[in-house]
Protein backbone atom coordinates (compact mmCIF):
# COMPACT_ATOMS: atom_id res chain seq x y z
CA MET A 1 -82.75 9.08 77.82
CA VAL A 2 -85.11 7.19 75.55
CA LEU A 3 -84.96 4.21 76.50
CA GLY A 4 -86.37 5.97 79.55
CA TYR A 5 -89.33 7.39 77.85
CA LEU A 6 -89.91 4.09 76.01
CA LEU A 7 -90.08 2.16 79.14
CA THR A 8 -92.41 5.02 81.01
CA GLY A 9 -94.57 4.51 78.00
CA PHE A 10 -95.06 0.81 78.59
CA GLY A 11 -95.66 1.50 82.53
CA LEU A 12 -92.15 0.25 83.08
CA GLY A 13 -90.80 3.95 84.55
CA LEU A 14 -91.86 2.69 88.04
CA LEU A 15 -90.27 -0.48 88.43
CA PHE A 16 -86.51 1.15 86.44
CA SER A 17 -86.50 4.53 87.77
CA GLY A 18 -83.16 6.37 88.64
CA ILE A 19 -79.44 4.97 88.88
CA ILE A 20 -81.49 1.18 87.19
CA LEU A 21 -82.39 2.72 84.25
CA ARG A 22 -78.85 4.55 84.04
CA LEU A 23 -77.52 0.66 84.43
CA LEU A 24 -79.51 -0.75 82.48
CA VAL A 25 -78.90 2.20 79.10
CA LEU A 26 -75.39 1.99 79.77
CA ALA A 27 -75.19 -2.54 79.21
CA LEU A 28 -77.15 -1.60 76.43
CA ILE A 29 -75.12 0.45 75.05
CA GLY A 30 -72.16 -1.90 75.59
CA LEU A 31 -74.63 -4.24 74.23
CA VAL A 32 -74.23 -2.74 71.04
CA MET A 33 -70.85 -1.93 70.61
CA THR A 34 -69.76 -5.39 71.68
CA ALA A 35 -71.70 -6.44 68.50
CA GLY A 36 -70.72 -3.95 66.17
CA GLY A 37 -66.81 -4.59 67.74
CA GLY A 38 -67.78 -8.42 66.98
CA PHE A 39 -69.19 -7.95 63.58
CA SER A 40 -66.28 -5.77 61.89
CA LEU A 41 -63.67 -8.39 63.38
CA ALA A 42 -65.26 -10.99 61.62
CA VAL A 43 -65.45 -8.89 58.58
CA ALA A 44 -62.13 -8.10 58.89
CA ILE A 45 -61.11 -11.93 59.21
CA ARG A 46 -63.15 -13.40 56.71
CA THR A 47 -61.46 -10.26 54.12
CA LYS A 48 -57.77 -12.09 55.18
CA GLN A 49 -58.99 -15.39 54.63
CA ARG A 50 -60.31 -14.03 50.80
CA GLU A 51 -57.06 -12.43 50.28
CA ASP A 52 -55.12 -15.37 51.24
CA GLU A 53 -57.33 -17.92 49.43
CA ILE A 54 -56.82 -15.20 46.36
CA ALA A 55 -52.82 -15.36 46.27
CA ARG A 56 -52.85 -19.17 47.03
CA LEU A 57 -54.85 -19.83 43.56
CA THR A 58 -52.85 -17.02 41.74
CA ASN A 59 -49.16 -18.85 42.05
CA THR A 60 -47.40 -16.57 39.31
CA THR A 61 -46.04 -13.29 39.66
CA PRO A 62 -46.70 -10.44 37.50
CA ASP A 63 -45.08 -11.20 34.71
CA GLY A 64 -46.23 -15.04 34.84
CA ARG A 65 -43.36 -16.68 36.44
CA ARG A 66 -44.35 -19.47 38.82
CA ARG A 67 -43.58 -17.94 42.90
CA ASN A 68 -42.10 -20.10 44.70
CA VAL A 69 -44.66 -20.59 48.04
CA CYS A 70 -46.49 -23.62 49.17
CA PRO A 71 -49.75 -24.51 47.56
CA HIS A 72 -51.80 -25.43 50.56
CA CYS A 73 -51.05 -22.54 52.61
CA GLY A 74 -49.00 -19.93 50.24
CA LEU A 75 -46.36 -19.08 52.68
CA ASN A 76 -42.89 -18.14 51.01
CA LEU A 77 -40.52 -21.20 50.23
CA THR A 78 -36.69 -20.95 49.62
CA GLU A 79 -35.48 -22.82 46.74
CA ASN A 80 -34.69 -25.88 48.06
CA THR A 81 -38.10 -26.85 50.44
CA ALA A 82 -39.73 -30.19 50.38
CA VAL A 83 -42.04 -29.73 53.36
CA CYS A 84 -43.57 -26.22 54.00
CA PRO A 85 -42.52 -25.44 57.71
CA LYS A 86 -45.87 -23.92 58.56
CA CYS A 87 -48.17 -26.43 57.10
CA GLY A 88 -45.83 -29.72 57.21
CA ASN A 89 -47.75 -30.47 53.43
CA SER A 90 -45.21 -31.95 51.17
CA VAL A 91 -43.91 -29.53 48.13
CA TYR A 92 -44.20 -30.68 44.89
CA ARG A 93 -42.26 -28.83 41.91
CA GLU A 94 -42.89 -28.67 38.16
CA GLU A 95 -39.66 -28.84 36.79
């Protein structure tokens, strides 16, 4: 309804009246909700990327032992893995 008052105030109330005005308002609400959802999805993806990067950089357990993970993508690996099955990079072990 606020949009209707604004349009009337600008002299556009005669162009957009009745059902057309309601459809415009619903379209505007849908657009705002879609943009908000896209923004929150982008924030969630970026947060996960940062968490993965932190896990990759801190490749040790709380007691200081080195974890068995790929240094490129952070995938948990078994003891005898030479190539990461996720990213395909060689895994170098420091003995």
